Amino acid sequence: MEINGKVVEFDFSKTDLGDWELVMRCTKKISSEDMPTWIDFLDRVIVGGKKSLPMIVLREINKAIFDKLTEDSNPKAPTD
């Protein structure tokens, strides 16, 4: 996925069920209380870590993560 002219990859293999509780809480709005935990989550799932991207792309990163999770949880049937 390209964000701000840079290819960004996500790796969810380092997540746990606690992360998924966080994701579910943050699907509509990320509270100020959840923001530090959310940033730690991003550091684990963004290949290259949180410091690989500027703060100005946070909204795009959040959208890309939720889009990817939605896509992964609703796979399309194979077309033969």
PDB file of N, CA and C in Angstrom:
ATOM      1  N   MET A   1       0.848  -1.157   0.000  1.00  0.00           N
ATOM      2  CA  MET A   1       0.000   0.000   0.000  1.00  0.00           C
ATOM      3  C   MET A   1       0.905   1.235   0.000  1.00  0.00           C
ATOM      4  N   GLU A   2       0.528   2.248  -0.768  1.00  0.00           N
ATOM      5  CA  GLU A   2       1.333   3.459  -0.830  1.00  0.00           C
ATOM      6  C   GLU A   2       0.665   4.577  -0.033  1.00  0.00           C
ATOM      7  N   ILE A   3       1.450   5.176   0.847  1.00  0.00           N
ATOM      8  CA  ILE A   3       0.980   6.288   1.671  1.00  0.00           C
ATOM      9  C   ILE A   3       2.057   7.362   1.644  1.00  0.00           C
ATOM     10  N   ASN A   4       1.651   8.557   1.250  1.00  0.00           N
ATOM     11  CA  ASN A   4       2.567   9.694   1.213  1.00  0.00           C
ATOM     12  C   ASN A   4       3.797   9.395   0.341  1.00  0.00           C
ATOM     13  N   GLY A   5       3.561   8.687  -0.760  1.00  0.00           N
ATOM     14  CA  GLY A   5       4.635   8.366  -1.688  1.00  0.00           C
ATOM     15  C   GLY A   5       5.554   7.251  -1.239  1.00  0.00           C
ATOM     16  N   LYS A   6       5.196   6.543  -0.186  1.00  0.00           N
ATOM     17  CA  LYS A   6       6.038   5.468   0.352  1.00  0.00           C
ATOM     18  C   LYS A   6       5.219   4.189   0.463  1.00  0.00           C
ATOM     19  N   VAL A   7       5.806   3.085   0.043  1.00  0.00           N
ATOM     20  CA  VAL A   7       5.128   1.802   0.183  1.00  0.00           C
ATOM     21  C   VAL A   7       5.145   1.408   1.659  1.00  0.00           C
ATOM     22  N   VAL A   8       3.968   1.118   2.178  1.00  0.00           N
ATOM     23  CA  VAL A   8       3.829   0.735   3.585  1.00  0.00           C
ATOM     24  C   VAL A   8       3.257  -0.673   3.638  1.00  0.00           C
ATOM     25  N   GLU A   9       3.900  -1.516   4.428  1.00  0.00           N
ATOM     26  CA  GLU A   9       3.430  -2.888   4.603  1.00  0.00           C
ATOM     27  C   GLU A   9       3.052  -3.100   6.060  1.00  0.00           C
ATOM     28  N   PHE A  10       2.073  -3.992   6.258  1.00  0.00           N
ATOM     29  CA  PHE A  10       1.639  -4.345   7.602  1.00  0.00           C
ATOM     30  C   PHE A  10       1.921  -5.822   7.844  1.00  0.00           C
ATOM     31  N   ASP A  11       2.348  -6.136   9.057  1.00  0.00           N
ATOM     32  CA  ASP A  11       2.589  -7.514   9.475  1.00  0.00           C
ATOM     33  C   ASP A  11       1.874  -7.704  10.813  1.00  0.00           C
ATOM     34  N   PHE A  12       0.762  -8.447  10.772  1.00  0.00           N
ATOM     35  CA  PHE A  12      -0.045  -8.642  11.973  1.00  0.00           C
ATOM     36  C   PHE A  12       0.382  -9.869  12.785  1.00  0.00           C
ATOM     37  N   SER A  13       1.496 -10.495  12.418  1.00  0.00           N
ATOM     38  CA  SER A  13       1.920 -11.714  13.111  1.00  0.00           C
ATOM     39  C   SER A  13       2.386 -11.449  14.546  1.00  0.00           C
ATOM     40  N   LYS A  14       2.706 -10.206  14.880  1.00  0.00           N
ATOM     41  CA  LYS A  14       3.178  -9.872  16.228  1.00  0.00           C
ATOM     42  C   LYS A  14       2.059  -9.364  17.130  1.00  0.00           C
ATOM     43  N   THR A  15       0.818  -9.538  16.702  1.00  0.00           N
ATOM     44  CA  THR A  15      -0.309  -9.058  17.501  1.00  0.00           C
ATOM     45  C   THR A  15      -0.858 -10.174  18.374  1.00  0.00           C
ATOM     46  N   ASP A  16      -1.627  -9.777  19.379  1.00  0.00           N
ATOM     47  CA  ASP A  16      -2.270 -10.755  20.253  1.00  0.00           C
ATOM     48  C   ASP A  16      -3.731 -10.355  20.461  1.00  0.00           C
ATOM     49  N   LEU A  17      -4.452 -11.118  21.230  1.00  0.00           N
ATOM     50  CA  LEU A  17      -5.876 -10.840  21.428  1.00  0.00           C
ATOM     51  C   LEU A  17      -6.116  -9.492  22.098  1.00  0.00           C
ATOM     52  N   GLY A  18      -5.202  -9.066  22.952  1.00  0.00           N
ATOM     53  CA  GLY A  18      -5.323  -7.741  23.560  1.00  0.00           C
ATOM     54  C   GLY A  18      -5.296  -6.642  22.504  1.00  0.00           C
ATOM     55  N   ASP A  19      -4.482  -6.848  21.473  1.00  0.00           N
ATOM     56  CA  ASP A  19      -4.453  -5.878  20.375  1.00  0.00           C
ATOM     57  C   ASP A  19      -5.790  -5.829  19.666  1.00  0.00           C
ATOM     58  N   TRP A  20      -6.418  -6.958  19.521  1.00  0.00           N
ATOM     59  CA  TRP A  20      -7.703  -6.983  18.806  1.00  0.00           C
ATOM     60  C   TRP A  20      -8.801  -6.321  19.628  1.00  0.00           C
ATOM     61  N   GLU A  21      -8.689  -6.387  20.960  1.00  0.00           N
ATOM     62  CA  GLU A  21      -9.620  -5.611  21.793  1.00  0.00           C
ATOM     63  C   GLU A  21      -9.432  -4.123  21.517  1.00  0.00           C
ATOM     64  N   LEU A  22      -8.178  -3.702  21.423  1.00  0.00           N
ATOM     65  CA  LEU A  22      -7.869  -2.309  21.125  1.00  0.00           C
ATOM     66  C   LEU A  22      -8.413  -1.911  19.758  1.00  0.00           C
ATOM     67  N   VAL A  23      -8.192  -2.742  18.764  1.00  0.00           N
ATOM     68  CA  VAL A  23      -8.680  -2.444  17.408  1.00  0.00           C
ATOM     69  C   VAL A  23     -10.189  -2.274  17.415  1.00  0.00           C
ATOM     70  N   MET A  24     -10.897  -3.144  18.105  1.00  0.00           N
ATOM     71  CA  MET A  24     -12.354  -3.048  18.138  1.00  0.00           C
ATOM     72  C   MET A  24     -12.802  -1.756  18.825  1.00  0.00           C
ATOM     73  N   ARG A  25     -12.097  -1.341  19.888  1.00  0.00           N
ATOM     74  CA  ARG A  25     -12.443  -0.087  20.557  1.00  0.00           C
ATOM     75  C   ARG A  25     -12.178   1.113  19.649  1.00  0.00           C
ATOM     76  N   CYS A  26     -11.195   0.995  18.782  1.00  0.00           N
ATOM     77  CA  CYS A  26     -10.743   2.142  17.991  1.00  0.00           C
ATOM     78  C   CYS A  26     -11.325   2.205  16.584  1.00  0.00           C
ATOM     79  N   THR A  27     -12.228   1.312  16.235  1.00  0.00           N
ATOM     80  CA  THR A  27     -12.737   1.324  14.867  1.00  0.00           C
ATOM     81  C   THR A  27     -13.493   2.603  14.530  1.00  0.00           C
ATOM     82  N   LYS A  28     -14.197   3.172  15.443  1.00  0.00           N
ATOM     83  CA  LYS A  28     -14.950   4.404  15.192  1.00  0.00           C
ATOM     84  C   LYS A  28     -14.139   5.652  15.536  1.00  0.00           C
ATOM     85  N   LYS A  29     -13.486   5.625  16.692  1.00  0.00           N
ATOM     86  CA  LYS A  29     -12.722   6.778  17.158  1.00  0.00           C
ATOM     87  C   LYS A  29     -11.652   6.300  18.123  1.00  0.00           C
ATOM     88  N   ILE A  30     -10.463   6.863  17.989  1.00  0.00           N
ATOM     89  CA  ILE A  30      -9.376   6.513  18.899  1.00  0.00           C
ATOM     90  C   ILE A  30      -9.354   7.561  20.010  1.00  0.00           C
ATOM     91  N   SER A  31      -9.614   7.102  21.222  1.00  0.00           N
ATOM     92  CA  SER A  31      -9.659   8.030  22.349  1.00  0.00           C
ATOM     93  C   SER A  31      -8.242   8.466  22.738  1.00  0.00           C
ATOM     94  N   SER A  32      -8.156   9.558  23.460  1.00  0.00           N
ATOM     95  CA  SER A  32      -6.842  10.028  23.922  1.00  0.00           C
ATOM     96  C   SER A  32      -6.213   9.020  24.881  1.00  0.00           C
ATOM     97  N   GLU A  33      -7.055   8.280  25.616  1.00  0.00           N
ATOM     98  CA  GLU A  33      -6.518   7.260  26.519  1.00  0.00           C
ATOM     99  C   GLU A  33      -5.927   6.085  25.741  1.00  0.00           C
ATOM    100  N   ASP A  34      -6.523   5.760  24.595  1.00  0.00           N
ATOM    101  CA  ASP A  34      -6.038   4.637  23.793  1.00  0.00           C
ATOM    102  C   ASP A  34      -4.876   5.006  22.873  1.00  0.00           C
ATOM    103  N   MET A  35      -4.636   6.290  22.649  1.00  0.00           N
ATOM    104  CA  MET A  35      -3.635   6.697  21.667  1.00  0.00           C
ATOM    105  C   MET A  35      -2.238   6.136  21.939  1.00  0.00           C
ATOM    106  N   PRO A  36      -1.692   6.172  23.167  1.00  0.00           N
ATOM    107  CA  PRO A  36      -0.363   5.597  23.375  1.00  0.00           C
ATOM    108  C   PRO A  36      -0.319   4.094  23.048  1.00  0.00           C
ATOM    109  N   THR A  37      -1.356   3.369  23.435  1.00  0.00           N
ATOM    110  CA  THR A  37      -1.422   1.936  23.138  1.00  0.00           C
ATOM    111  C   THR A  37      -1.562   1.712  21.638  1.00  0.00           C
ATOM    112  N   TRP A  38      -2.346   2.579  20.980  1.00  0.00           N
ATOM    113  CA  TRP A  38      -2.519   2.484  19.527  1.00  0.00           C
ATOM    114  C   TRP A  38      -1.179   2.700  18.810  1.00  0.00           C
ATOM    115  N   ILE A  39      -0.402   3.679  19.260  1.00  0.00           N
ATOM    116  CA  ILE A  39       0.902   3.959  18.650  1.00  0.00           C
ATOM    117  C   ILE A  39       1.840   2.763  18.856  1.00  0.00           C
ATOM    118  N   ASP A  40       1.802   2.132  20.028  1.00  0.00           N
ATOM    119  CA  ASP A  40       2.599   0.910  20.254  1.00  0.00           C
ATOM    120  C   ASP A  40       2.163  -0.194  19.293  1.00  0.00           C
ATOM    121  N   PHE A  41       0.845  -0.322  19.092  1.00  0.00           N
ATOM    122  CA  PHE A  41       0.301  -1.296  18.145  1.00  0.00           C
ATOM    123  C   PHE A  41       0.838  -1.020  16.741  1.00  0.00           C
ATOM    124  N   LEU A  42       0.797   0.248  16.319  1.00  0.00           N
ATOM    125  CA  LEU A  42       1.307   0.610  15.000  1.00  0.00           C
ATOM    126  C   LEU A  42       2.789   0.251  14.872  1.00  0.00           C
ATOM    127  N   ASP A  43       3.543   0.444  15.936  1.00  0.00           N
ATOM    128  CA  ASP A  43       4.969   0.136  15.903  1.00  0.00           C
ATOM    129  C   ASP A  43       5.206  -1.352  15.623  1.00  0.00           C
ATOM    130  N   ARG A  44       4.315  -2.195  16.123  1.00  0.00           N
ATOM    131  CA  ARG A  44       4.451  -3.641  15.893  1.00  0.00           C
ATOM    132  C   ARG A  44       3.949  -4.072  14.516  1.00  0.00           C
ATOM    133  N   VAL A  45       2.922  -3.418  13.981  1.00  0.00           N
ATOM    134  CA  VAL A  45       2.331  -3.909  12.727  1.00  0.00           C
ATOM    135  C   VAL A  45       2.868  -3.230  11.472  1.00  0.00           C
ATOM    136  N   ILE A  46       3.427  -2.038  11.585  1.00  0.00           N
ATOM    137  CA  ILE A  46       4.000  -1.374  10.413  1.00  0.00           C
ATOM    138  C   ILE A  46       5.402  -1.926  10.210  1.00  0.00           C
ATOM    139  N   VAL A  47       5.643  -2.510   9.046  1.00  0.00           N
ATOM    140  CA  VAL A  47       6.979  -3.011   8.735  1.00  0.00           C
ATOM    141  C   VAL A  47       7.910  -1.797   8.683  1.00  0.00           C
ATOM    142  N   GLY A  48       8.927  -1.815   9.510  1.00  0.00           N
ATOM    143  CA  GLY A  48       9.827  -0.668   9.638  1.00  0.00           C
ATOM    144  C   GLY A  48       9.536   0.159  10.877  1.00  0.00           C
ATOM    145  N   GLY A  49       8.399  -0.118  11.536  1.00  0.00           N
ATOM    146  CA  GLY A  49       8.063   0.551  12.784  1.00  0.00           C
ATOM    147  C   GLY A  49       7.468   1.937  12.620  1.00  0.00           C
ATOM    148  N   LYS A  50       7.040   2.474  13.733  1.00  0.00           N
ATOM    149  CA  LYS A  50       6.338   3.760  13.745  1.00  0.00           C
ATOM    150  C   LYS A  50       7.218   4.925  13.300  1.00  0.00           C
ATOM    151  N   LYS A  51       8.509   4.822  13.491  1.00  0.00           N
ATOM    152  CA  LYS A  51       9.392   5.926  13.140  1.00  0.00           C
ATOM    153  C   LYS A  51       9.696   5.985  11.643  1.00  0.00           C
ATOM    154  N   SER A  52       9.176   5.007  10.898  1.00  0.00           N
ATOM    155  CA  SER A  52       9.417   5.007   9.454  1.00  0.00           C
ATOM    156  C   SER A  52       8.491   5.960   8.712  1.00  0.00           C
ATOM    157  N   LEU A  53       7.492   6.520   9.419  1.00  0.00           N
ATOM    158  CA  LEU A  53       6.504   7.401   8.781  1.00  0.00           C
ATOM    159  C   LEU A  53       6.324   8.681   9.582  1.00  0.00           C
ATOM    160  N   PRO A  54       6.039   9.796   8.897  1.00  0.00           N
ATOM    161  CA  PRO A  54       5.800  11.045   9.621  1.00  0.00           C
ATOM    162  C   PRO A  54       4.413  11.071  10.262  1.00  0.00           C
ATOM    163  N   MET A  55       4.269  11.885  11.273  1.00  0.00           N
ATOM    164  CA  MET A  55       3.006  12.012  12.000  1.00  0.00           C
ATOM    165  C   MET A  55       1.851  12.441  11.103  1.00  0.00           C
ATOM    166  N   ILE A  56       2.134  13.214  10.063  1.00  0.00           N
ATOM    167  CA  ILE A  56       1.061  13.741   9.209  1.00  0.00           C
ATOM    168  C   ILE A  56       0.298  12.660   8.456  1.00  0.00           C
ATOM    169  N   VAL A  57       0.814  11.422   8.428  1.00  0.00           N
ATOM    170  CA  VAL A  57       0.104  10.351   7.712  1.00  0.00           C
ATOM    171  C   VAL A  57      -0.682   9.442   8.653  1.00  0.00           C
ATOM    172  N   LEU A  58      -0.814   9.836   9.922  1.00  0.00           N
ATOM    173  CA  LEU A  58      -1.507   8.983  10.893  1.00  0.00           C
ATOM    174  C   LEU A  58      -2.925   8.644  10.449  1.00  0.00           C
ATOM    175  N   ARG A  59      -3.666   9.613   9.960  1.00  0.00           N
ATOM    176  CA  ARG A  59      -5.043   9.353   9.520  1.00  0.00           C
ATOM    177  C   ARG A  59      -5.053   8.333   8.369  1.00  0.00           C
ATOM    178  N   GLU A  60      -4.134   8.489   7.419  1.00  0.00           N
ATOM    179  CA  GLU A  60      -4.062   7.556   6.295  1.00  0.00           C
ATOM    180  C   GLU A  60      -3.652   6.157   6.751  1.00  0.00           C
ATOM    181  N   ILE A  61      -2.712   6.092   7.693  1.00  0.00           N
ATOM    182  CA  ILE A  61      -2.284   4.802   8.237  1.00  0.00           C
ATOM    183  C   ILE A  61      -3.444   4.115   8.932  1.00  0.00           C
ATOM    184  N   ASN A  62      -4.178   4.854   9.753  1.00  0.00           N
ATOM    185  CA  ASN A  62      -5.323   4.263  10.460  1.00  0.00           C
ATOM    186  C   ASN A  62      -6.336   3.708   9.464  1.00  0.00           C
ATOM    187  N   LYS A  63      -6.668   4.482   8.441  1.00  0.00           N
ATOM    188  CA  LYS A  63      -7.616   4.021   7.436  1.00  0.00           C
ATOM    189  C   LYS A  63      -7.090   2.775   6.735  1.00  0.00           C
ATOM    190  N   ALA A  64      -5.821   2.773   6.386  1.00  0.00           N
ATOM    191  CA  ALA A  64      -5.229   1.628   5.688  1.00  0.00           C
ATOM    192  C   ALA A  64      -5.268   0.377   6.564  1.00  0.00           C
ATOM    193  N   ILE A  65      -5.009   0.532   7.846  1.00  0.00           N
ATOM    194  CA  ILE A  65      -5.051  -0.625   8.757  1.00  0.00           C
ATOM    195  C   ILE A  65      -6.466  -1.171   8.849  1.00  0.00           C
ATOM    196  N   PHE A  66      -7.451  -0.298   9.042  1.00  0.00           N
ATOM    197  CA  PHE A  66      -8.831  -0.777   9.151  1.00  0.00           C
ATOM    198  C   PHE A  66      -9.307  -1.380   7.831  1.00  0.00           C
ATOM    199  N   ASP A  67      -8.898  -0.807   6.699  1.00  0.00           N
ATOM    200  CA  ASP A  67      -9.241  -1.392   5.396  1.00  0.00           C
ATOM    201  C   ASP A  67      -8.637  -2.779   5.254  1.00  0.00           C
ATOM    202  N   LYS A  68      -7.369  -2.926   5.636  1.00  0.00           N
ATOM    203  CA  LYS A  68      -6.680  -4.220   5.536  1.00  0.00           C
ATOM    204  C   LYS A  68      -7.342  -5.254   6.448  1.00  0.00           C
ATOM    205  N   LEU A  69      -7.669  -4.868   7.666  1.00  0.00           N
ATOM    206  CA  LEU A  69      -8.309  -5.801   8.591  1.00  0.00           C
ATOM    207  C   LEU A  69      -9.688  -6.212   8.084  1.00  0.00           C
ATOM    208  N   THR A  70     -10.432  -5.277   7.516  1.00  0.00           N
ATOM    209  CA  THR A  70     -11.744  -5.590   6.957  1.00  0.00           C
ATOM    210  C   THR A  70     -11.602  -6.556   5.791  1.00  0.00           C
ATOM    211  N   GLU A  71     -10.637  -6.290   4.936  1.00  0.00           N
ATOM    212  CA  GLU A  71     -10.383  -7.166   3.783  1.00  0.00           C
ATOM    213  C   GLU A  71      -9.996  -8.570   4.240  1.00  0.00           C
ATOM    214  N   ASP A  72      -9.102  -8.660   5.226  1.00  0.00           N
ATOM    215  CA  ASP A  72      -8.649  -9.963   5.725  1.00  0.00           C
ATOM    216  C   ASP A  72      -9.759 -10.746   6.409  1.00  0.00           C
ATOM    217  N   SER A  73     -10.680 -10.039   7.064  1.00  0.00           N
ATOM    218  CA  SER A  73     -11.753 -10.739   7.786  1.00  0.00           C
ATOM    219  C   SER A  73     -12.921 -11.093   6.895  1.00  0.00           C
ATOM    220  N   ASN A  74     -12.968 -10.553   5.688  1.00  0.00           N
ATOM    221  CA  ASN A  74     -14.029 -10.846   4.730  1.00  0.00           C
ATOM    222  C   ASN A  74     -13.419 -11.229   3.374  1.00  0.00           C
ATOM    223  N   PRO A  75     -12.727 -12.367   3.335  1.00  0.00           N
ATOM    224  CA  PRO A  75     -12.075 -12.738   2.076  1.00  0.00           C
ATOM    225  C   PRO A  75     -13.102 -12.993   0.980  1.00  0.00           C
ATOM    226  N   LYS A  76     -12.701 -12.639  -0.223  1.00  0.00           N
ATOM    227  CA  LYS A  76     -13.579 -12.867  -1.366  1.00  0.00           C
ATOM    228  C   LYS A  76     -13.488 -14.334  -1.791  1.00  0.00           C
ATOM    229  N   ALA A  77     -14.620 -14.859  -2.236  1.00  0.00           N
ATOM    230  CA  ALA A  77     -14.633 -16.239  -2.721  1.00  0.00           C
ATOM    231  C   ALA A  77     -13.817 -16.309  -4.004  1.00  0.00           C
ATOM    232  N   PRO A  78     -13.097 -17.406  -4.208  1.00  0.00           N
ATOM    233  CA  PRO A  78     -12.330 -17.533  -5.451  1.00  0.00           C
ATOM    234  C   PRO A  78     -13.262 -17.554  -6.664  1.00  0.00           C
ATOM    235  N   THR A  79     -12.818 -16.940  -7.718  1.00  0.00           N
ATOM    236  CA  THR A  79     -13.607 -16.921  -8.947  1.00  0.00           C
ATOM    237  C   THR A  79     -12.978 -17.881  -9.956  1.00  0.00           C
ATOM    238  N   ASP A  80     -13.727 -18.899 -10.259  1.00  0.00           N
ATOM    239  CA  ASP A  80     -13.245 -19.895 -11.228  1.00  0.00           C
ATOM    240  C   ASP A  80     -14.082 -19.828 -12.469  1.00  0.00           C
TER     241      ASP A  80
END
